[in-house]
């Protein structure tokens, strides 16, 4: 598995992108009710929705991410941070 060196929440990722492009970006979390409604409209079964909803906050918080040392093991150097990547690719977001 290839990962960066840190697990970030969605709000942390948005803040980093905002800083990299020099423009404000607002993160607006989607409520579980809105998520449920969207899943229902997409045709997911109630059982699947009930199984997935508890993971929404876990994923948004960044706690679902696992960090692996694979990049350093293969290349001998630390993986780039999301901040490094955002600064390098800022032009793609303007």
PDB file of N, CA and C in Angstrom:
ATOM      1  N   UNK A   1       0.841  -1.181   0.000  1.00  0.00           N
ATOM      2  CA  UNK A   1       0.000   0.000   0.000  1.00  0.00           C
ATOM      3  C   UNK A   1       0.884   1.241   0.000  1.00  0.00           C
ATOM      4  N   UNK A   2       0.548   2.192  -0.842  1.00  0.00           N
ATOM      5  CA  UNK A   2       1.285   3.454  -0.899  1.00  0.00           C
ATOM      6  C   UNK A   2       0.430   4.558  -0.293  1.00  0.00           C
ATOM      7  N   UNK A   3       0.982   5.235   0.696  1.00  0.00           N
ATOM      8  CA  UNK A   3       0.270   6.335   1.345  1.00  0.00           C
ATOM      9  C   UNK A   3       1.235   7.473   1.612  1.00  0.00           C
ATOM     10  N   UNK A   4       0.668   8.605   1.942  1.00  0.00           N
ATOM     11  CA  UNK A   4       1.480   9.712   2.425  1.00  0.00           C
ATOM     12  C   UNK A   4       1.849   9.454   3.880  1.00  0.00           C
ATOM     13  N   UNK A   5       2.549  10.383   4.500  1.00  0.00           N
ATOM     14  CA  UNK A   5       3.044  10.168   5.852  1.00  0.00           C
ATOM     15  C   UNK A   5       2.053  10.540   6.954  1.00  0.00           C
ATOM     16  N   UNK A   6       0.828  10.941   6.581  1.00  0.00           N
ATOM     17  CA  UNK A   6      -0.107  11.397   7.607  1.00  0.00           C
ATOM     18  C   UNK A   6      -1.541  11.073   7.211  1.00  0.00           C
ATOM     19  N   UNK A   7      -2.372  10.837   8.219  1.00  0.00           N
ATOM     20  CA  UNK A   7      -3.807  10.660   8.004  1.00  0.00           C
ATOM     21  C   UNK A   7      -4.467  11.992   8.312  1.00  0.00           C
ATOM     22  N   UNK A   8      -5.231  12.512   7.358  1.00  0.00           N
ATOM     23  CA  UNK A   8      -5.845  13.829   7.510  1.00  0.00           C
ATOM     24  C   UNK A   8      -7.358  13.732   7.421  1.00  0.00           C
ATOM     25  N   UNK A   9      -8.023  14.580   8.171  1.00  0.00           N
ATOM     26  CA  UNK A   9      -9.471  14.688   8.044  1.00  0.00           C
ATOM     27  C   UNK A   9      -9.787  15.453   6.765  1.00  0.00           C
ATOM     28  N   UNK A  10     -11.034  15.386   6.347  1.00  0.00           N
ATOM     29  CA  UNK A  10     -11.451  16.134   5.163  1.00  0.00           C
ATOM     30  C   UNK A  10     -11.263  17.628   5.405  1.00  0.00           C
ATOM     31  N   UNK A  11     -11.620  18.107   6.589  1.00  0.00           N
ATOM     32  CA  UNK A  11     -11.458  19.544   6.866  1.00  0.00           C
ATOM     33  C   UNK A  11      -9.988  19.950   6.848  1.00  0.00           C
ATOM     34  N   UNK A  12      -9.086  19.091   7.298  1.00  0.00           N
ATOM     35  CA  UNK A  12      -7.654  19.394   7.223  1.00  0.00           C
ATOM     36  C   UNK A  12      -7.184  19.441   5.777  1.00  0.00           C
ATOM     37  N   UNK A  13      -7.668  18.545   4.943  1.00  0.00           N
ATOM     38  CA  UNK A  13      -7.305  18.540   3.530  1.00  0.00           C
ATOM     39  C   UNK A  13      -7.770  19.827   2.846  1.00  0.00           C
ATOM     40  N   UNK A  14      -8.997  20.245   3.151  1.00  0.00           N
ATOM     41  CA  UNK A  14      -9.538  21.461   2.557  1.00  0.00           C
ATOM     42  C   UNK A  14      -8.722  22.674   2.988  1.00  0.00           C
ATOM     43  N   UNK A  15      -8.346  22.753   4.240  1.00  0.00           N
ATOM     44  CA  UNK A  15      -7.521  23.867   4.753  1.00  0.00           C
ATOM     45  C   UNK A  15      -6.179  23.902   4.029  1.00  0.00           C
ATOM     46  N   UNK A  16      -5.575  22.760   3.845  1.00  0.00           N
ATOM     47  CA  UNK A  16      -4.283  22.684   3.152  1.00  0.00           C
ATOM     48  C   UNK A  16      -4.428  23.149   1.704  1.00  0.00           C
ATOM     49  N   UNK A  17      -5.478  22.689   1.009  1.00  0.00           N
ATOM     50  CA  UNK A  17      -5.698  23.131  -0.370  1.00  0.00           C
ATOM     51  C   UNK A  17      -5.958  24.628  -0.434  1.00  0.00           C
ATOM     52  N   UNK A  18      -6.742  25.137   0.499  1.00  0.00           N
ATOM     53  CA  UNK A  18      -7.025  26.574   0.553  1.00  0.00           C
ATOM     54  C   UNK A  18      -5.738  27.375   0.717  1.00  0.00           C
ATOM     55  N   UNK A  19      -4.879  26.944   1.628  1.00  0.00           N
ATOM     56  CA  UNK A  19      -3.601  27.623   1.843  1.00  0.00           C
ATOM     57  C   UNK A  19      -2.728  27.556   0.590  1.00  0.00           C
ATOM     58  N   UNK A  20      -2.729  26.412  -0.084  1.00  0.00           N
ATOM     59  CA  UNK A  20      -1.868  26.224  -1.258  1.00  0.00           C
ATOM     60  C   UNK A  20      -2.281  27.120  -2.419  1.00  0.00           C
ATOM     61  N   UNK A  21      -3.578  27.317  -2.600  1.00  0.00           N
ATOM     62  CA  UNK A  21      -4.028  28.132  -3.736  1.00  0.00           C
ATOM     63  C   UNK A  21      -4.257  29.585  -3.358  1.00  0.00           C
ATOM     64  N   UNK A  22      -4.191  29.881  -2.064  1.00  0.00           N
ATOM     65  CA  UNK A  22      -4.351  31.260  -1.626  1.00  0.00           C
ATOM     66  C   UNK A  22      -5.764  31.785  -1.739  1.00  0.00           C
ATOM     67  N   UNK A  23      -6.726  30.901  -1.718  1.00  0.00           N
ATOM     68  CA  UNK A  23      -8.135  31.277  -1.800  1.00  0.00           C
ATOM     69  C   UNK A  23      -8.904  30.502  -0.735  1.00  0.00           C
ATOM     70  N   UNK A  24      -9.936  31.123  -0.199  1.00  0.00           N
ATOM     71  CA  UNK A  24     -10.721  30.397   0.805  1.00  0.00           C
ATOM     72  C   UNK A  24     -11.541  29.269   0.171  1.00  0.00           C
ATOM     73  N   UNK A  25     -11.530  28.148   0.813  1.00  0.00           N
ATOM     74  CA  UNK A  25     -12.377  27.018   0.433  1.00  0.00           C
ATOM     75  C   UNK A  25     -13.114  26.626   1.701  1.00  0.00           C
ATOM     76  N   UNK A  26     -14.407  26.496   1.593  1.00  0.00           N
ATOM     77  CA  UNK A  26     -15.193  26.131   2.760  1.00  0.00           C
ATOM     78  C   UNK A  26     -15.556  24.658   2.691  1.00  0.00           C
ATOM     79  N   UNK A  27     -15.294  23.948   3.769  1.00  0.00           N
ATOM     80  CA  UNK A  27     -15.717  22.559   3.881  1.00  0.00           C
ATOM     81  C   UNK A  27     -17.074  22.539   4.566  1.00  0.00           C
ATOM     82  N   UNK A  28     -18.053  21.974   3.908  1.00  0.00           N
ATOM     83  CA  UNK A  28     -19.392  21.865   4.465  1.00  0.00           C
ATOM     84  C   UNK A  28     -19.703  20.382   4.608  1.00  0.00           C
ATOM     85  N   UNK A  29     -19.650  19.882   5.829  1.00  0.00           N
ATOM     86  CA  UNK A  29     -19.919  18.452   6.006  1.00  0.00           C
ATOM     87  C   UNK A  29     -21.372  18.128   5.655  1.00  0.00           C
ATOM     88  N   UNK A  30     -21.582  16.962   5.116  1.00  0.00           N
ATOM     89  CA  UNK A  30     -22.915  16.491   4.768  1.00  0.00           C
ATOM     90  C   UNK A  30     -23.448  15.702   5.955  1.00  0.00           C
ATOM     91  N   UNK A  31     -24.628  16.047   6.391  1.00  0.00           N
ATOM     92  CA  UNK A  31     -25.221  15.365   7.553  1.00  0.00           C
ATOM     93  C   UNK A  31     -25.526  13.904   7.214  1.00  0.00           C
ATOM     94  N   UNK A  32     -25.642  13.110   8.250  1.00  0.00           N
ATOM     95  CA  UNK A  32     -26.002  11.710   8.039  1.00  0.00           C
ATOM     96  C   UNK A  32     -27.380  11.596   7.380  1.00  0.00           C
ATOM     97  N   UNK A  33     -28.307  12.490   7.745  1.00  0.00           N
ATOM     98  CA  UNK A  33     -29.643  12.457   7.127  1.00  0.00           C
ATOM     99  C   UNK A  33     -29.558  12.729   5.633  1.00  0.00           C
ATOM    100  N   UNK A  34     -28.761  13.725   5.245  1.00  0.00           N
ATOM    101  CA  UNK A  34     -28.602  14.026   3.824  1.00  0.00           C
ATOM    102  C   UNK A  34     -27.889  12.891   3.100  1.00  0.00           C
ATOM    103  N   UNK A  35     -26.898  12.305   3.760  1.00  0.00           N
ATOM    104  CA  UNK A  35     -26.191  11.158   3.180  1.00  0.00           C
ATOM    105  C   UNK A  35     -27.152  10.001   2.964  1.00  0.00           C
ATOM    106  N   UNK A  36     -27.960   9.725   3.977  1.00  0.00           N
ATOM    107  CA  UNK A  36     -28.952   8.647   3.890  1.00  0.00           C
ATOM    108  C   UNK A  36     -29.917   8.914   2.726  1.00  0.00           C
ATOM    109  N   UNK A  37     -30.393  10.142   2.620  1.00  0.00           N
ATOM    110  CA  UNK A  37     -31.326  10.502   1.562  1.00  0.00           C
ATOM    111  C   UNK A  37     -30.695  10.285   0.180  1.00  0.00           C
ATOM    112  N   UNK A  38     -29.462  10.716   0.024  1.00  0.00           N
ATOM    113  CA  UNK A  38     -28.771  10.523  -1.249  1.00  0.00           C
ATOM    114  C   UNK A  38     -28.581   9.054  -1.582  1.00  0.00           C
ATOM    115  N   UNK A  39     -28.260   8.265  -0.572  1.00  0.00           N
ATOM    116  CA  UNK A  39     -28.087   6.825  -0.798  1.00  0.00           C
ATOM    117  C   UNK A  39     -29.409   6.174  -1.190  1.00  0.00           C
ATOM    118  N   UNK A  40     -30.505   6.625  -0.557  1.00  0.00           N
ATOM    119  CA  UNK A  40     -31.826   6.088  -0.901  1.00  0.00           C
ATOM    120  C   UNK A  40     -32.171   6.437  -2.343  1.00  0.00           C
ATOM    121  N   UNK A  41     -31.901   7.692  -2.729  1.00  0.00           N
ATOM    122  CA  UNK A  41     -32.190   8.127  -4.103  1.00  0.00           C
ATOM    123  C   UNK A  41     -31.348   7.359  -5.118  1.00  0.00           C
ATOM    124  N   UNK A  42     -30.143   6.942  -4.692  1.00  0.00           N
ATOM    125  CA  UNK A  42     -29.264   6.181  -5.580  1.00  0.00           C
ATOM    126  C   UNK A  42     -29.659   4.703  -5.651  1.00  0.00           C
ATOM    127  N   UNK A  43     -30.646   4.308  -4.828  1.00  0.00           N
ATOM    128  CA  UNK A  43     -31.155   2.941  -4.901  1.00  0.00           C
ATOM    129  C   UNK A  43     -30.483   1.943  -3.982  1.00  0.00           C
ATOM    130  N   UNK A  44     -29.670   2.417  -3.035  1.00  0.00           N
ATOM    131  CA  UNK A  44     -29.052   1.486  -2.096  1.00  0.00           C
ATOM    132  C   UNK A  44     -30.114   0.919  -1.161  1.00  0.00           C
ATOM    133  N   UNK A  45     -29.928  -0.309  -0.765  1.00  0.00           N
ATOM    134  CA  UNK A  45     -30.886  -0.963   0.122  1.00  0.00           C
ATOM    135  C   UNK A  45     -30.801  -0.356   1.523  1.00  0.00           C
ATOM    136  N   UNK A  46     -31.906  -0.366   2.255  1.00  0.00           N
ATOM    137  CA  UNK A  46     -31.883   0.154   3.635  1.00  0.00           C
ATOM    138  C   UNK A  46     -30.837  -0.542   4.507  1.00  0.00           C
ATOM    139  N   UNK A  47     -30.642  -1.831   4.292  1.00  0.00           N
ATOM    140  CA  UNK A  47     -29.659  -2.578   5.087  1.00  0.00           C
ATOM    141  C   UNK A  47     -28.237  -2.084   4.812  1.00  0.00           C
ATOM    142  N   UNK A  48     -27.929  -1.826   3.540  1.00  0.00           N
ATOM    143  CA  UNK A  48     -26.599  -1.328   3.191  1.00  0.00           C
ATOM    144  C   UNK A  48     -26.399   0.081   3.738  1.00  0.00           C
ATOM    145  N   UNK A  49     -27.415   0.912   3.613  1.00  0.00           N
ATOM    146  CA  UNK A  49     -27.328   2.278   4.137  1.00  0.00           C
ATOM    147  C   UNK A  49     -27.075   2.241   5.639  1.00  0.00           C
ATOM    148  N   UNK A  50     -27.823   1.411   6.358  1.00  0.00           N
ATOM    149  CA  UNK A  50     -27.634   1.297   7.807  1.00  0.00           C
ATOM    150  C   UNK A  50     -26.223   0.821   8.157  1.00  0.00           C
ATOM    151  N   UNK A  51     -25.638   0.010   7.292  1.00  0.00           N
ATOM    152  CA  UNK A  51     -24.276  -0.479   7.535  1.00  0.00           C
ATOM    153  C   UNK A  51     -23.227   0.591   7.240  1.00  0.00           C
ATOM    154  N   UNK A  52     -23.508   1.457   6.261  1.00  0.00           N
ATOM    155  CA  UNK A  52     -22.523   2.456   5.837  1.00  0.00           C
ATOM    156  C   UNK A  52     -22.545   3.742   6.655  1.00  0.00           C
ATOM    157  N   UNK A  53     -23.705   4.180   7.089  1.00  0.00           N
ATOM    158  CA  UNK A  53     -23.838   5.464   7.780  1.00  0.00           C
ATOM    159  C   UNK A  53     -22.894   5.612   8.976  1.00  0.00           C
ATOM    160  N   UNK A  54     -22.730   4.595   9.810  1.00  0.00           N
ATOM    161  CA  UNK A  54     -21.827   4.775  10.963  1.00  0.00           C
ATOM    162  C   UNK A  54     -20.377   5.087  10.579  1.00  0.00           C
ATOM    163  N   UNK A  55     -19.984   4.761   9.357  1.00  0.00           N
ATOM    164  CA  UNK A  55     -18.608   5.005   8.928  1.00  0.00           C
ATOM    165  C   UNK A  55     -18.386   6.403   8.378  1.00  0.00           C
ATOM    166  N   UNK A  56     -19.453   7.156   8.115  1.00  0.00           N
ATOM    167  CA  UNK A  56     -19.316   8.473   7.493  1.00  0.00           C
ATOM    168  C   UNK A  56     -18.436   9.402   8.319  1.00  0.00           C
ATOM    169  N   UNK A  57     -18.728   9.549   9.595  1.00  0.00           N
ATOM    170  CA  UNK A  57     -17.923  10.445  10.435  1.00  0.00           C
ATOM    171  C   UNK A  57     -16.510   9.908  10.611  1.00  0.00           C
ATOM    172  N   UNK A  58     -16.384   8.612  10.703  1.00  0.00           N
ATOM    173  CA  UNK A  58     -15.073   7.973  10.828  1.00  0.00           C
ATOM    174  C   UNK A  58     -14.200   8.331   9.630  1.00  0.00           C
ATOM    175  N   UNK A  59     -14.783   8.297   8.441  1.00  0.00           N
ATOM    176  CA  UNK A  59     -14.047   8.626   7.214  1.00  0.00           C
ATOM    177  C   UNK A  59     -13.758  10.121   7.151  1.00  0.00           C
ATOM    178  N   UNK A  60     -14.772  10.972   7.444  1.00  0.00           N
ATOM    179  CA  UNK A  60     -14.572  12.423   7.404  1.00  0.00           C
ATOM    180  C   UNK A  60     -13.490  12.874   8.372  1.00  0.00           C
ATOM    181  N   UNK A  61     -13.349  12.168   9.491  1.00  0.00           N
ATOM    182  CA  UNK A  61     -12.393  12.563  10.516  1.00  0.00           C
ATOM    183  C   UNK A  61     -10.955  12.196  10.165  1.00  0.00           C
ATOM    184  N   UNK A  62     -10.765  11.342   9.164  1.00  0.00           N
ATOM    185  CA  UNK A  62      -9.432  10.881   8.808  1.00  0.00           C
ATOM    186  C   UNK A  62      -8.992   9.665   9.593  1.00  0.00           C
ATOM    187  N   UNK A  63      -9.816   9.239  10.531  1.00  0.00           N
ATOM    188  CA  UNK A  63      -9.453   8.099  11.372  1.00  0.00           C
ATOM    189  C   UNK A  63      -9.514   6.776  10.622  1.00  0.00           C
ATOM    190  N   UNK A  64     -10.153   6.773   9.460  1.00  0.00           N
ATOM    191  CA  UNK A  64     -10.247   5.544   8.673  1.00  0.00           C
ATOM    192  C   UNK A  64      -8.963   5.279   7.892  1.00  0.00           C
ATOM    193  N   UNK A  65      -8.126   6.295   7.777  1.00  0.00           N
ATOM    194  CA  UNK A  65      -6.899   6.162   6.990  1.00  0.00           C
ATOM    195  C   UNK A  65      -5.816   5.453   7.783  1.00  0.00           C
ATOM    196  N   UNK A  66      -5.059   4.679   7.091  1.00  0.00           N
ATOM    197  CA  UNK A  66      -3.909   4.013   7.698  1.00  0.00           C
ATOM    198  C   UNK A  66      -2.669   4.475   6.944  1.00  0.00           C
ATOM    199  N   UNK A  67      -1.632   4.784   7.674  1.00  0.00           N
ATOM    200  CA  UNK A  67      -0.380   5.254   7.080  1.00  0.00           C
ATOM    201  C   UNK A  67       0.605   4.092   7.027  1.00  0.00           C
ATOM    202  N   UNK A  68       1.189   3.902   5.859  1.00  0.00           N
ATOM    203  CA  UNK A  68       2.152   2.819   5.668  1.00  0.00           C
ATOM    204  C   UNK A  68       3.533   3.392   5.344  1.00  0.00           C
ATOM    205  N   UNK A  69       4.602   2.711   5.736  1.00  0.00           N
ATOM    206  CA  UNK A  69       5.969   3.193   5.483  1.00  0.00           C
ATOM    207  C   UNK A  69       6.531   2.758   4.133  1.00  0.00           C
ATOM    208  N   UNK A  70       5.700   2.282   3.238  1.00  0.00           N
ATOM    209  CA  UNK A  70       6.150   1.672   1.988  1.00  0.00           C
ATOM    210  C   UNK A  70       7.020   2.600   1.145  1.00  0.00           C
ATOM    211  N   UNK A  71       6.651   3.855   1.015  1.00  0.00           N
ATOM    212  CA  UNK A  71       7.424   4.792   0.184  1.00  0.00           C
ATOM    213  C   UNK A  71       8.860   4.878   0.691  1.00  0.00           C
ATOM    214  N   UNK A  72       9.020   5.055   2.000  1.00  0.00           N
ATOM    215  CA  UNK A  72      10.369   5.161   2.560  1.00  0.00           C
ATOM    216  C   UNK A  72      11.127   3.844   2.392  1.00  0.00           C
ATOM    217  N   UNK A  73      10.439   2.735   2.560  1.00  0.00           N
ATOM    218  CA  UNK A  73      11.093   1.431   2.413  1.00  0.00           C
ATOM    219  C   UNK A  73      11.586   1.218   0.978  1.00  0.00           C
ATOM    220  N   UNK A  74      10.825   1.687   0.008  1.00  0.00           N
ATOM    221  CA  UNK A  74      11.185   1.477  -1.402  1.00  0.00           C
ATOM    222  C   UNK A  74      12.195   2.511  -1.887  1.00  0.00           C
ATOM    223  N   UNK A  75      11.970   3.779  -1.536  1.00  0.00           N
ATOM    224  CA  UNK A  75      12.786   4.853  -2.104  1.00  0.00           C
ATOM    225  C   UNK A  75      13.911   5.330  -1.184  1.00  0.00           C
ATOM    226  N   UNK A  76      13.795   5.023   0.101  1.00  0.00           N
ATOM    227  CA  UNK A  76      14.783   5.502   1.050  1.00  0.00           C
ATOM    228  C   UNK A  76      14.530   6.926   1.531  1.00  0.00           C
ATOM    229  N   UNK A  77      13.418   7.534   1.100  1.00  0.00           N
ATOM    230  CA  UNK A  77      13.072   8.880   1.554  1.00  0.00           C
ATOM    231  C   UNK A  77      11.617   8.882   1.998  1.00  0.00           C
ATOM    232  N   UNK A  78      11.280   9.841   2.819  1.00  0.00           N
ATOM    233  CA  UNK A  78       9.914   9.952   3.313  1.00  0.00           C
ATOM    234  C   UNK A  78       8.964  10.316   2.176  1.00  0.00           C
ATOM    235  N   UNK A  79       7.731   9.894   2.294  1.00  0.00           N
ATOM    236  CA  UNK A  79       6.703  10.251   1.313  1.00  0.00           C
ATOM    237  C   UNK A  79       6.409  11.741   1.413  1.00  0.00           C
ATOM    238  N   UNK A  80       5.975  12.321   0.308  1.00  0.00           N
ATOM    239  CA  UNK A  80       5.557  13.720   0.322  1.00  0.00           C
ATOM    240  C   UNK A  80       4.302  13.869   1.168  1.00  0.00           C
ATOM    241  N   UNK A  81       4.160  14.992   1.819  1.00  0.00           N
ATOM    242  CA  UNK A  81       2.941  15.274   2.564  1.00  0.00           C
ATOM    243  C   UNK A  81       1.864  15.756   1.603  1.00  0.00           C
ATOM    244  N   UNK A  82       0.636  15.763   2.072  1.00  0.00           N
ATOM    245  CA  UNK A  82      -0.459  16.316   1.273  1.00  0.00           C
ATOM    246  C   UNK A  82      -0.205  17.791   1.003  1.00  0.00           C
ATOM    247  N   UNK A  83       0.361  18.472   1.976  1.00  0.00           N
ATOM    248  CA  UNK A  83       0.698  19.887   1.817  1.00  0.00           C
ATOM    249  C   UNK A  83       1.717  20.077   0.692  1.00  0.00           C
ATOM    250  N   UNK A  84       2.746  19.225   0.646  1.00  0.00           N
ATOM    251  CA  UNK A  84       3.732  19.283  -0.444  1.00  0.00           C
ATOM    252  C   UNK A  84       3.036  19.103  -1.794  1.00  0.00           C
ATOM    253  N   UNK A  85       2.178  18.094  -1.869  1.00  0.00           N
ATOM    254  CA  UNK A  85       1.471  17.801  -3.108  1.00  0.00           C
ATOM    255  C   UNK A  85       0.576  18.973  -3.507  1.00  0.00           C
ATOM    256  N   UNK A  86      -0.154  19.538  -2.530  1.00  0.00           N
ATOM    257  CA  UNK A  86      -1.063  20.644  -2.821  1.00  0.00           C
ATOM    258  C   UNK A  86      -0.320  21.856  -3.362  1.00  0.00           C
ATOM    259  N   UNK A  87       0.820  22.194  -2.755  1.00  0.00           N
ATOM    260  CA  UNK A  87       1.601  23.333  -3.242  1.00  0.00           C
ATOM    261  C   UNK A  87       2.112  23.068  -4.658  1.00  0.00           C
ATOM    262  N   UNK A  88       2.583  21.868  -4.905  1.00  0.00           N
ATOM    263  CA  UNK A  88       3.123  21.519  -6.222  1.00  0.00           C
ATOM    264  C   UNK A  88       2.049  21.537  -7.316  1.00  0.00           C
ATOM    265  N   UNK A  89       0.806  21.240  -6.934  1.00  0.00           N
ATOM    266  CA  UNK A  89      -0.274  21.131  -7.907  1.00  0.00           C
ATOM    267  C   UNK A  89      -1.315  22.234  -7.776  1.00  0.00           C
ATOM    268  N   UNK A  90      -0.980  23.303  -7.099  1.00  0.00           N
ATOM    269  CA  UNK A  90      -1.937  24.392  -6.831  1.00  0.00           C
ATOM    270  C   UNK A  90      -2.545  24.954  -8.110  1.00  0.00           C
ATOM    271  N   UNK A  91      -1.768  25.039  -9.170  1.00  0.00           N
ATOM    272  CA  UNK A  91      -2.270  25.619 -10.421  1.00  0.00           C
ATOM    273  C   UNK A  91      -3.458  24.842 -10.975  1.00  0.00           C
ATOM    274  N   UNK A  92      -3.541  23.563 -10.687  1.00  0.00           N
ATOM    275  CA  UNK A  92      -4.655  22.752 -11.174  1.00  0.00           C
ATOM    276  C   UNK A  92      -5.975  23.118 -10.518  1.00  0.00           C
ATOM    277  N   UNK A  93      -5.918  23.844  -9.399  1.00  0.00           N
ATOM    278  CA  UNK A  93      -7.125  24.206  -8.658  1.00  0.00           C
ATOM    279  C   UNK A  93      -7.542  25.651  -8.894  1.00  0.00           C
ATOM    280  N   UNK A  94      -6.813  26.385  -9.705  1.00  0.00           N
ATOM    281  CA  UNK A  94      -7.146  27.795  -9.960  1.00  0.00           C
ATOM    282  C   UNK A  94      -7.956  27.945 -11.225  1.00  0.00           C
TER     283      UNK A  94
END
